[in-house]
Amino acid sequence: MPVIEVKNLRKQYGETVAVRDVSFAVESGEIFGILGPNGAGKTTTAECVSGLRTADGGTITVLGRPPRDPALRRLVGVQLQESQLQDKITVREALELYSAFYPSPADWRQLAATLGLDDQLNARYGKLSGGRKQRLSIALALIGGPRIAILDELTTGLDPQARRDTWDLIESIRDTGVTIVLVTHFMEEASRLCDRVAVIDHGEVVALDSPAGLVNALSAEQRIRFRPSVPLDDPLLLAAPEVTAVLHHGPQVEVVGTGNLLQAVTSVLAAHQIIANDLRIEQANLDEAFVRLVGRD
């Protein structure tokens, strides 16, 4: 049974429809991503699933219960896109306080060290940088040892090293059996972490698949760039059935095609004793798939 089921979710604020018709299911132990452009409805969806907002239509179950069931408070950890603590509370006090809410909390000292907060334990919340506040928010979401963690814009404000350290932490949390719902606009983050993703646009799910599945479904096109050791006639490459186009960028040649394009190109070059210098292969990625799904003019 899925640990989260969302069917025909709808949420409206006055005349504005934030979520029009969203349906998906999250399986136990997976990292499930929710992607979408700004204003698409992904944060509202996550807040409805976590019980912070009440849906206007549709149904949601979390571990077989409605999202606002008090029993879920110890089973679901939430890290919000924007959160706030008292300015004068220290990092240590916040971690100790939240630990006291749970019967079997995680080791807050280890969380603090992993998230780079161990040298900030005596710092007051109001004096922390935006990135440090984000790290503390992540720690508080995970401190209860939840069965499900809902993380909204997980690594916003973190530097590249802290972002990758956080990714390692999330993967280790998932390895303990925790199911994670990740709202993000970082395509690299979704590609690295997510088993499946739902792409939301205008309040509706426009695609639901693994990151690799989304890329493969939208484009099997490949591109190979290289600098030939001697001038190369385009018809030699275009004769291969895998090649659809040959482009020139100064001394570089770009070959566009499908299938086993690399073998086709290297076979042509070898047959004519041409060396491909600085060769690199470019394939479609999740960034390109996302833009093609929700891109705007």
C-alpha atoms as a PDB file:
ATOM      1  CA  MET A   1       0.000   0.000   0.000  1.00  0.00           C
ATOM      2  CA  PRO A   2       1.282   3.521  -0.747  1.00  0.00           C
ATOM      3  CA  VAL A   3       2.161   5.543   2.340  1.00  0.00           C
ATOM      4  CA  ILE A   4       0.688   8.686   0.721  1.00  0.00           C
ATOM      5  CA  GLU A   5      -2.237   8.821  -1.693  1.00  0.00           C
ATOM      6  CA  VAL A   6      -3.450  12.060  -3.268  1.00  0.00           C
ATOM      7  CA  LYS A   7      -6.529  11.953  -5.493  1.00  0.00           C
ATOM      8  CA  ASN A   8      -7.940  14.941  -7.382  1.00  0.00           C
ATOM      9  CA  LEU A   9      -6.571  17.475  -4.883  1.00  0.00           C
ATOM     10  CA  ARG A  10      -7.958  21.002  -5.220  1.00  0.00           C
ATOM     11  CA  LYS A  11      -7.062  24.116  -3.241  1.00  0.00           C
ATOM     12  CA  GLN A  12      -8.299  27.632  -3.912  1.00  0.00           C
ATOM     13  CA  TYR A  13      -7.552  31.017  -2.327  1.00  0.00           C
ATOM     14  CA  GLY A  14     -10.378  33.381  -3.158  1.00  0.00           C
ATOM     15  CA  GLU A  15     -10.539  33.537  -6.934  1.00  0.00           C
ATOM     16  CA  THR A  16      -7.081  31.993  -7.334  1.00  0.00           C
ATOM     17  CA  VAL A  17      -6.918  28.240  -7.930  1.00  0.00           C
ATOM     18  CA  ALA A  18      -3.547  27.141  -6.546  1.00  0.00           C
ATOM     19  CA  VAL A  19      -4.092  23.406  -7.089  1.00  0.00           C
ATOM     20  CA  ARG A  20      -6.622  22.355  -9.699  1.00  0.00           C
ATOM     21  CA  ASP A  21      -6.420  18.556  -9.968  1.00  0.00           C
ATOM     22  CA  VAL A  22      -3.382  16.747  -8.536  1.00  0.00           C
ATOM     23  CA  SER A  23      -3.167  12.986  -8.079  1.00  0.00           C
ATOM     24  CA  PHE A  24      -0.200  10.792  -7.185  1.00  0.00           C
ATOM     25  CA  ALA A  25       0.858   8.022  -4.790  1.00  0.00           C
ATOM     26  CA  VAL A  26       4.111   7.706  -2.850  1.00  0.00           C
ATOM     27  CA  GLU A  27       5.504   4.259  -2.113  1.00  0.00           C
ATOM     28  CA  SER A  28       7.175   3.325   1.147  1.00  0.00           C
ATOM     29  CA  GLY A  29      10.912   4.002   1.245  1.00  0.00           C
ATOM     30  CA  GLU A  30      11.170   6.109  -1.904  1.00  0.00           C
ATOM     31  CA  ILE A  31      12.243   9.693  -2.419  1.00  0.00           C
ATOM     32  CA  PHE A  32       9.392  11.290  -4.321  1.00  0.00           C
ATOM     33  CA  GLY A  33       9.993  14.669  -5.922  1.00  0.00           C
ATOM     34  CA  ILE A  34       7.485  17.407  -6.654  1.00  0.00           C
ATOM     35  CA  LEU A  35       8.758  19.741  -9.387  1.00  0.00           C
ATOM     36  CA  GLY A  36       7.222  22.760 -11.015  1.00  0.00           C
ATOM     37  CA  PRO A  37       7.752  26.423 -11.897  1.00  0.00           C
ATOM     38  CA  ASN A  38       7.066  29.167  -9.371  1.00  0.00           C
ATOM     39  CA  GLY A  39       3.360  29.400  -8.611  1.00  0.00           C
ATOM     40  CA  ALA A  40       2.585  25.946 -10.038  1.00  0.00           C
ATOM     41  CA  GLY A  41       1.055  24.711  -6.768  1.00  0.00           C
ATOM     42  CA  LYS A  42       3.801  22.406  -5.510  1.00  0.00           C
ATOM     43  CA  THR A  43       4.213  24.027  -2.069  1.00  0.00           C
ATOM     44  CA  THR A  44       0.440  24.167  -1.559  1.00  0.00           C
ATOM     45  CA  THR A  45       0.277  20.472  -2.446  1.00  0.00           C
ATOM     46  CA  ALA A  46       2.982  19.634   0.095  1.00  0.00           C
ATOM     47  CA  GLU A  47       1.261  21.720   2.778  1.00  0.00           C
ATOM     48  CA  CYS A  48      -2.044  19.914   2.168  1.00  0.00           C
ATOM     49  CA  VAL A  49      -0.297  16.531   2.422  1.00  0.00           C
ATOM     50  CA  SER A  50       1.401  17.571   5.678  1.00  0.00           C
ATOM     51  CA  GLY A  51      -1.881  18.776   7.175  1.00  0.00           C
ATOM     52  CA  LEU A  52      -0.861  22.412   7.377  1.00  0.00           C
ATOM     53  CA  ARG A  53      -3.626  23.369   4.941  1.00  0.00           C
ATOM     54  CA  THR A  54      -7.047  21.883   4.381  1.00  0.00           C
ATOM     55  CA  ALA A  55      -7.880  20.802   0.842  1.00  0.00           C
ATOM     56  CA  ASP A  56     -11.003  22.190  -0.811  1.00  0.00           C
ATOM     57  CA  GLY A  57     -11.548  19.046  -2.842  1.00  0.00           C
ATOM     58  CA  GLY A  58     -10.226  15.564  -3.450  1.00  0.00           C
ATOM     59  CA  THR A  59      -8.835  13.132  -0.885  1.00  0.00           C
ATOM     60  CA  ILE A  60      -5.485  12.654   0.845  1.00  0.00           C
ATOM     61  CA  THR A  61      -4.373   9.781   3.054  1.00  0.00           C
ATOM     62  CA  VAL A  62      -1.039   9.586   4.874  1.00  0.00           C
ATOM     63  CA  LEU A  63      -0.206   6.201   6.396  1.00  0.00           C
ATOM     64  CA  GLY A  64      -3.881   5.404   5.978  1.00  0.00           C
ATOM     65  CA  ARG A  65      -5.005   8.464   7.962  1.00  0.00           C
ATOM     66  CA  PRO A  66      -6.278  11.925   7.025  1.00  0.00           C
ATOM     67  CA  PRO A  67      -3.423  14.465   7.019  1.00  0.00           C
ATOM     68  CA  ARG A  68      -4.632  16.333  10.115  1.00  0.00           C
ATOM     69  CA  ASP A  69      -4.865  13.229  12.294  1.00  0.00           C
ATOM     70  CA  PRO A  70      -2.956  14.035  15.552  1.00  0.00           C
ATOM     71  CA  ALA A  71      -1.316  10.595  15.426  1.00  0.00           C
ATOM     72  CA  LEU A  72       0.695  11.742  12.386  1.00  0.00           C
ATOM     73  CA  ARG A  73       2.519  14.459  14.304  1.00  0.00           C
ATOM     74  CA  ARG A  74       5.076  11.949  15.532  1.00  0.00           C
ATOM     75  CA  LEU A  75       5.225  10.093  12.236  1.00  0.00           C
ATOM     76  CA  VAL A  76       5.678  12.949   9.746  1.00  0.00           C
ATOM     77  CA  GLY A  77       8.499  15.504   9.817  1.00  0.00           C
ATOM     78  CA  VAL A  78       8.088  18.745   7.865  1.00  0.00           C
ATOM     79  CA  GLN A  79      10.627  21.294   6.700  1.00  0.00           C
ATOM     80  CA  LEU A  80       8.860  24.338   5.306  1.00  0.00           C
ATOM     81  CA  GLN A  81      10.024  26.625   2.527  1.00  0.00           C
ATOM     82  CA  GLU A  82       9.824  29.467   5.052  1.00  0.00           C
ATOM     83  CA  SER A  83       9.843  28.951   8.829  1.00  0.00           C
ATOM     84  CA  GLN A  84      10.560  31.058  11.890  1.00  0.00           C
ATOM     85  CA  LEU A  85      11.674  30.479  15.477  1.00  0.00           C
ATOM     86  CA  GLN A  86      12.033  32.961  18.319  1.00  0.00           C
ATOM     87  CA  ASP A  87      14.972  35.256  17.651  1.00  0.00           C
ATOM     88  CA  LYS A  88      16.588  34.657  21.045  1.00  0.00           C
ATOM     89  CA  ILE A  89      16.443  30.859  21.097  1.00  0.00           C
ATOM     90  CA  THR A  90      19.827  29.240  20.505  1.00  0.00           C
ATOM     91  CA  VAL A  91      20.479  26.410  18.087  1.00  0.00           C
ATOM     92  CA  ARG A  92      21.165  24.066  21.022  1.00  0.00           C
ATOM     93  CA  GLU A  93      17.942  25.061  22.788  1.00  0.00           C
ATOM     94  CA  ALA A  94      15.877  24.523  19.636  1.00  0.00           C
ATOM     95  CA  LEU A  95      17.370  21.072  19.032  1.00  0.00           C
ATOM     96  CA  GLU A  96      16.920  20.028  22.674  1.00  0.00           C
ATOM     97  CA  LEU A  97      13.358  21.384  22.762  1.00  0.00           C
ATOM     98  CA  TYR A  98      12.266  19.569  19.621  1.00  0.00           C
ATOM     99  CA  SER A  99      13.968  16.371  20.795  1.00  0.00           C
ATOM    100  CA  ALA A 100      11.800  16.471  23.914  1.00  0.00           C
ATOM    101  CA  PHE A 101       8.659  16.246  21.776  1.00  0.00           C
ATOM    102  CA  TYR A 102       9.433  12.673  20.650  1.00  0.00           C
ATOM    103  CA  PRO A 103       9.780   9.370  22.531  1.00  0.00           C
ATOM    104  CA  SER A 104      12.754   8.164  20.448  1.00  0.00           C
ATOM    105  CA  PRO A 105      14.393  11.189  18.819  1.00  0.00           C
ATOM    106  CA  ALA A 106      17.414  11.105  16.572  1.00  0.00           C
ATOM    107  CA  ASP A 107      20.770  12.185  17.983  1.00  0.00           C
ATOM    108  CA  TRP A 108      20.546  15.964  17.599  1.00  0.00           C
ATOM    109  CA  ARG A 109      24.297  16.357  18.077  1.00  0.00           C
ATOM    110  CA  GLN A 110      24.966  14.110  15.100  1.00  0.00           C
ATOM    111  CA  LEU A 111      22.387  15.980  13.007  1.00  0.00           C
ATOM    112  CA  ALA A 112      23.989  19.289  13.965  1.00  0.00           C
ATOM    113  CA  ALA A 113      27.433  18.025  12.981  1.00  0.00           C
ATOM    114  CA  THR A 114      26.213  16.602   9.664  1.00  0.00           C
ATOM    115  CA  LEU A 115      24.470  19.861   8.758  1.00  0.00           C
ATOM    116  CA  GLY A 116      27.406  22.048   9.808  1.00  0.00           C
ATOM    117  CA  LEU A 117      25.706  23.503  12.886  1.00  0.00           C
ATOM    118  CA  ASP A 118      27.991  22.105  15.581  1.00  0.00           C
ATOM    119  CA  ASP A 119      29.963  25.350  15.733  1.00  0.00           C
ATOM    120  CA  GLN A 120      26.755  27.383  15.990  1.00  0.00           C
ATOM    121  CA  LEU A 121      25.075  25.670  18.944  1.00  0.00           C
ATOM    122  CA  ASN A 122      25.230  28.759  21.143  1.00  0.00           C
ATOM    123  CA  ALA A 123      24.228  31.169  18.372  1.00  0.00           C
ATOM    124  CA  ARG A 124      20.790  32.762  18.623  1.00  0.00           C
ATOM    125  CA  TYR A 125      18.332  32.093  15.831  1.00  0.00           C
ATOM    126  CA  GLY A 126      17.926  35.779  14.992  1.00  0.00           C
ATOM    127  CA  LYS A 127      21.673  36.058  14.331  1.00  0.00           C
ATOM    128  CA  LEU A 128      21.905  33.107  11.950  1.00  0.00           C
ATOM    129  CA  SER A 129      22.370  33.552   8.222  1.00  0.00           C
ATOM    130  CA  GLY A 130      19.627  32.391   5.872  1.00  0.00           C
ATOM    131  CA  GLY A 131      21.575  29.249   5.021  1.00  0.00           C
ATOM    132  CA  ARG A 132      22.136  28.390   8.700  1.00  0.00           C
ATOM    133  CA  LYS A 133      18.432  28.849   9.424  1.00  0.00           C
ATOM    134  CA  GLN A 134      17.666  26.464   6.575  1.00  0.00           C
ATOM    135  CA  ARG A 135      20.029  23.848   7.986  1.00  0.00           C
ATOM    136  CA  LEU A 136      18.398  24.135  11.407  1.00  0.00           C
ATOM    137  CA  SER A 137      14.963  23.744   9.816  1.00  0.00           C
ATOM    138  CA  ILE A 138      16.101  20.517   8.142  1.00  0.00           C
ATOM    139  CA  ALA A 139      17.478  19.200  11.442  1.00  0.00           C
ATOM    140  CA  LEU A 140      14.208  19.929  13.245  1.00  0.00           C
ATOM    141  CA  ALA A 141      12.239  18.097  10.542  1.00  0.00           C
ATOM    142  CA  LEU A 142      14.356  14.976  10.989  1.00  0.00           C
ATOM    143  CA  ILE A 143      14.920  15.055  14.729  1.00  0.00           C
ATOM    144  CA  GLY A 144      11.857  13.003  15.601  1.00  0.00           C
ATOM    145  CA  GLY A 145      12.950  10.032  13.521  1.00  0.00           C
ATOM    146  CA  PRO A 146       9.828  10.296  11.311  1.00  0.00           C
ATOM    147  CA  ARG A 147       8.482   7.591   8.990  1.00  0.00           C
ATOM    148  CA  ILE A 148       7.813  10.292   6.392  1.00  0.00           C
ATOM    149  CA  ALA A 149       9.715  13.541   5.873  1.00  0.00           C
ATOM    150  CA  ILE A 150       8.260  16.335   3.728  1.00  0.00           C
ATOM    151  CA  LEU A 151      11.010  18.729   2.687  1.00  0.00           C
ATOM    152  CA  ASP A 152      10.168  21.935   0.817  1.00  0.00           C
ATOM    153  CA  GLU A 153      13.064  23.586  -1.049  1.00  0.00           C
ATOM    154  CA  LEU A 154      15.516  21.488   0.929  1.00  0.00           C
ATOM    155  CA  THR A 155      18.800  23.164   0.006  1.00  0.00           C
ATOM    156  CA  THR A 156      17.818  26.738  -0.840  1.00  0.00           C
ATOM    157  CA  GLY A 157      20.463  29.068   0.553  1.00  0.00           C
ATOM    158  CA  LEU A 158      23.114  26.386   1.012  1.00  0.00           C
ATOM    159  CA  ASP A 159      26.512  26.587  -0.639  1.00  0.00           C
ATOM    160  CA  PRO A 160      27.463  23.796  -3.103  1.00  0.00           C
ATOM    161  CA  GLN A 161      29.405  21.750  -0.533  1.00  0.00           C
ATOM    162  CA  ALA A 162      26.676  22.034   2.105  1.00  0.00           C
ATOM    163  CA  ARG A 163      24.104  21.103  -0.558  1.00  0.00           C
ATOM    164  CA  ARG A 164      25.954  17.893  -1.404  1.00  0.00           C
ATOM    165  CA  ASP A 165      26.480  17.074   2.274  1.00  0.00           C
ATOM    166  CA  THR A 166      22.724  17.485   2.761  1.00  0.00           C
ATOM    167  CA  TRP A 167      22.028  15.188  -0.203  1.00  0.00           C
ATOM    168  CA  ASP A 168      24.234  12.543   1.430  1.00  0.00           C
ATOM    169  CA  LEU A 169      22.280  13.000   4.670  1.00  0.00           C
ATOM    170  CA  ILE A 170      18.922  12.583   2.904  1.00  0.00           C
ATOM    171  CA  GLU A 171      20.111   9.421   1.163  1.00  0.00           C
ATOM    172  CA  SER A 172      21.287   7.998   4.483  1.00  0.00           C
ATOM    173  CA  ILE A 173      17.919   8.873   6.064  1.00  0.00           C
ATOM    174  CA  ARG A 174      16.112   7.097   3.217  1.00  0.00           C
ATOM    175  CA  ASP A 175      18.357   4.067   3.706  1.00  0.00           C
ATOM    176  CA  THR A 176      16.902   3.702   7.216  1.00  0.00           C
ATOM    177  CA  GLY A 177      13.427   3.272   5.688  1.00  0.00           C
ATOM    178  CA  VAL A 178      12.135   6.839   5.857  1.00  0.00           C
ATOM    179  CA  THR A 179       9.947   7.925   2.939  1.00  0.00           C
ATOM    180  CA  ILE A 180      10.799  11.405   1.687  1.00  0.00           C
ATOM    181  CA  VAL A 181       8.685  13.870  -0.276  1.00  0.00           C
ATOM    182  CA  LEU A 182      10.984  16.487  -1.756  1.00  0.00           C
ATOM    183  CA  VAL A 183       9.726  19.765  -3.220  1.00  0.00           C
ATOM    184  CA  THR A 184      12.497  21.322  -5.273  1.00  0.00           C
ATOM    185  CA  HIS A 185      13.332  23.497  -8.241  1.00  0.00           C
ATOM    186  CA  PHE A 186      16.912  22.199  -8.469  1.00  0.00           C
ATOM    187  CA  MET A 187      16.967  19.719 -11.345  1.00  0.00           C
ATOM    188  CA  GLU A 188      20.361  18.370 -10.274  1.00  0.00           C
ATOM    189  CA  GLU A 189      18.913  17.693  -6.828  1.00  0.00           C
ATOM    190  CA  ALA A 190      15.909  15.856  -8.264  1.00  0.00           C
ATOM    191  CA  SER A 191      18.094  13.810 -10.623  1.00  0.00           C
ATOM    192  CA  ARG A 192      20.460  12.852  -7.807  1.00  0.00           C
ATOM    193  CA  LEU A 193      17.906  12.027  -5.107  1.00  0.00           C
ATOM    194  CA  CYS A 194      14.481  11.195  -6.515  1.00  0.00           C
ATOM    195  CA  ASP A 195      13.227   7.751  -7.462  1.00  0.00           C
ATOM    196  CA  ARG A 196      10.167   9.338  -9.117  1.00  0.00           C
ATOM    197  CA  VAL A 197       8.973  12.879  -9.686  1.00  0.00           C
ATOM    198  CA  ALA A 198       5.644  14.548 -10.338  1.00  0.00           C
ATOM    199  CA  VAL A 199       5.868  17.671 -12.476  1.00  0.00           C
ATOM    200  CA  ILE A 200       3.105  20.150 -11.588  1.00  0.00           C
ATOM    201  CA  ASP A 201       2.093  23.054 -13.804  1.00  0.00           C
ATOM    202  CA  HIS A 202      -0.930  25.327 -13.403  1.00  0.00           C
ATOM    203  CA  GLY A 203      -2.089  23.196 -10.488  1.00  0.00           C
ATOM    204  CA  GLU A 204      -2.110  19.893 -12.402  1.00  0.00           C
ATOM    205  CA  VAL A 205       0.284  16.966 -12.778  1.00  0.00           C
ATOM    206  CA  VAL A 206       1.672  17.126 -16.314  1.00  0.00           C
ATOM    207  CA  ALA A 207       4.171  14.261 -15.961  1.00  0.00           C
ATOM    208  CA  LEU A 208       4.893  11.474 -13.473  1.00  0.00           C
ATOM    209  CA  ASP A 209       7.901   9.198 -13.891  1.00  0.00           C
ATOM    210  CA  SER A 210      11.480   8.629 -12.818  1.00  0.00           C
ATOM    211  CA  PRO A 211      13.885  11.447 -13.775  1.00  0.00           C
ATOM    212  CA  ALA A 212      15.456   9.196 -16.396  1.00  0.00           C
ATOM    213  CA  GLY A 213      12.028   8.192 -17.661  1.00  0.00           C
ATOM    214  CA  LEU A 214      10.999  11.812 -18.160  1.00  0.00           C
ATOM    215  CA  VAL A 215      14.161  12.523 -20.118  1.00  0.00           C
ATOM    216  CA  ASN A 216      13.853   9.412 -22.290  1.00  0.00           C
ATOM    217  CA  ALA A 217      10.172  10.008 -22.998  1.00  0.00           C
ATOM    218  CA  LEU A 218      10.783  13.516 -24.292  1.00  0.00           C
ATOM    219  CA  SER A 219      13.958  13.080 -26.247  1.00  0.00           C
ATOM    220  CA  ALA A 220      16.202  10.274 -27.414  1.00  0.00           C
ATOM    221  CA  GLU A 221      18.378  12.836 -29.187  1.00  0.00           C
ATOM    222  CA  GLN A 222      22.116  12.832 -28.583  1.00  0.00           C
ATOM    223  CA  ARG A 223      24.832  15.290 -29.516  1.00  0.00           C
ATOM    224  CA  ILE A 224      28.517  14.614 -30.021  1.00  0.00           C
ATOM    225  CA  ARG A 225      31.058  17.414 -30.240  1.00  0.00           C
ATOM    226  CA  PHE A 226      34.674  17.058 -31.338  1.00  0.00           C
ATOM    227  CA  ARG A 227      37.472  18.791 -33.181  1.00  0.00           C
ATOM    228  CA  PRO A 228      38.540  16.693 -36.209  1.00  0.00           C
ATOM    229  CA  SER A 229      42.246  16.338 -36.912  1.00  0.00           C
ATOM    230  CA  VAL A 230      41.628  17.182 -40.592  1.00  0.00           C
ATOM    231  CA  PRO A 231      38.714  18.858 -42.395  1.00  0.00           C
ATOM    232  CA  LEU A 232      35.664  16.593 -42.489  1.00  0.00           C
ATOM    233  CA  ASP A 233      33.034  16.450 -45.227  1.00  0.00           C
ATOM    234  CA  ASP A 234      29.483  16.430 -43.809  1.00  0.00           C
ATOM    235  CA  PRO A 235      28.149  13.763 -46.245  1.00  0.00           C
ATOM    236  CA  LEU A 236      30.488  11.187 -44.697  1.00  0.00           C
ATOM    237  CA  LEU A 237      28.668  11.515 -41.390  1.00  0.00           C
ATOM    238  CA  LEU A 238      25.193  12.098 -42.817  1.00  0.00           C
ATOM    239  CA  ALA A 239      25.410   8.775 -44.640  1.00  0.00           C
ATOM    240  CA  ALA A 240      25.097   6.991 -41.291  1.00  0.00           C
ATOM    241  CA  PRO A 241      21.406   6.301 -40.458  1.00  0.00           C
ATOM    242  CA  GLU A 242      21.928   7.347 -36.830  1.00  0.00           C
ATOM    243  CA  VAL A 243      22.995  10.889 -37.836  1.00  0.00           C
ATOM    244  CA  THR A 244      20.276  13.499 -38.354  1.00  0.00           C
ATOM    245  CA  ALA A 245      22.359  16.686 -38.598  1.00  0.00           C
ATOM    246  CA  VAL A 246      25.912  17.977 -38.685  1.00  0.00           C
ATOM    247  CA  LEU A 247      26.657  21.476 -37.377  1.00  0.00           C
ATOM    248  CA  HIS A 248      29.857  23.509 -37.267  1.00  0.00           C
ATOM    249  CA  HIS A 249      31.010  25.804 -34.460  1.00  0.00           C
ATOM    250  CA  GLY A 250      34.352  27.188 -35.571  1.00  0.00           C
ATOM    251  CA  PRO A 251      36.812  24.280 -35.510  1.00  0.00           C
ATOM    252  CA  GLN A 252      34.300  22.082 -33.664  1.00  0.00           C
ATOM    253  CA  VAL A 253      31.876  19.681 -35.326  1.00  0.00           C
ATOM    254  CA  GLU A 254      28.571  18.852 -33.658  1.00  0.00           C
ATOM    255  CA  VAL A 255      26.795  15.668 -34.747  1.00  0.00           C
ATOM    256  CA  VAL A 256      23.131  15.233 -33.807  1.00  0.00           C
ATOM    257  CA  GLY A 257      21.425  11.866 -33.907  1.00  0.00           C
ATOM    258  CA  THR A 258      19.815   8.916 -32.153  1.00  0.00           C
ATOM    259  CA  GLY A 259      20.495   5.272 -31.396  1.00  0.00           C
ATOM    260  CA  ASN A 260      24.120   4.176 -31.101  1.00  0.00           C
ATOM    261  CA  LEU A 261      25.365   7.510 -32.369  1.00  0.00           C
ATOM    262  CA  LEU A 262      28.815   7.294 -30.807  1.00  0.00           C
ATOM    263  CA  GLN A 263      29.660   4.018 -32.527  1.00  0.00           C
ATOM    264  CA  ALA A 264      28.370   5.323 -35.859  1.00  0.00           C
ATOM    265  CA  VAL A 265      30.479   8.483 -35.673  1.00  0.00           C
ATOM    266  CA  THR A 266      33.666   6.802 -34.469  1.00  0.00           C
ATOM    267  CA  SER A 267      33.326   4.138 -37.191  1.00  0.00           C
ATOM    268  CA  VAL A 268      33.159   6.834 -39.879  1.00  0.00           C
ATOM    269  CA  LEU A 269      36.127   8.670 -38.406  1.00  0.00           C
ATOM    270  CA  ALA A 270      38.219   5.500 -38.083  1.00  0.00           C
ATOM    271  CA  ALA A 271      37.458   4.485 -41.666  1.00  0.00           C
ATOM    272  CA  HIS A 272      38.889   7.810 -42.875  1.00  0.00           C
ATOM    273  CA  GLN A 273      41.740   7.947 -40.324  1.00  0.00           C
ATOM    274  CA  ILE A 274      40.389  11.072 -38.669  1.00  0.00           C
ATOM    275  CA  ILE A 275      41.089  11.686 -34.984  1.00  0.00           C
ATOM    276  CA  ALA A 276      38.317  13.215 -32.840  1.00  0.00           C
ATOM    277  CA  ASN A 277      40.038  15.623 -30.451  1.00  0.00           C
ATOM    278  CA  ASP A 278      38.226  16.909 -27.326  1.00  0.00           C
ATOM    279  CA  LEU A 279      35.303  14.563 -27.976  1.00  0.00           C
ATOM    280  CA  ARG A 280      32.355  14.808 -25.619  1.00  0.00           C
ATOM    281  CA  ILE A 281      28.840  13.388 -25.601  1.00  0.00           C
ATOM    282  CA  GLU A 282      25.867  15.545 -24.693  1.00  0.00           C
ATOM    283  CA  GLN A 283      22.514  13.933 -23.880  1.00  0.00           C
ATOM    284  CA  ALA A 284      19.221  15.421 -22.818  1.00  0.00           C
ATOM    285  CA  ASN A 285      18.925  15.969 -19.064  1.00  0.00           C
ATOM    286  CA  LEU A 286      16.171  16.738 -16.576  1.00  0.00           C
ATOM    287  CA  ASP A 287      16.639  20.488 -17.081  1.00  0.00           C
ATOM    288  CA  GLU A 288      15.741  20.147 -20.747  1.00  0.00           C
ATOM    289  CA  ALA A 289      12.836  17.798 -20.019  1.00  0.00           C
ATOM    290  CA  PHE A 290      11.471  20.243 -17.418  1.00  0.00           C
ATOM    291  CA  VAL A 291      11.664  23.195 -19.791  1.00  0.00           C
ATOM    292  CA  ARG A 292       9.922  21.238 -22.545  1.00  0.00           C
ATOM    293  CA  LEU A 293       7.160  20.234 -20.134  1.00  0.00           C
ATOM    294  CA  VAL A 294       6.480  23.605 -18.487  1.00  0.00           C
ATOM    295  CA  GLY A 295       8.478  26.123 -20.530  1.00  0.00           C
ATOM    296  CA  ARG A 296       6.962  29.517 -21.163  1.00  0.00           C
ATOM    297  CA  ASP A 297       7.243  31.741 -24.219  1.00  0.00           C
END
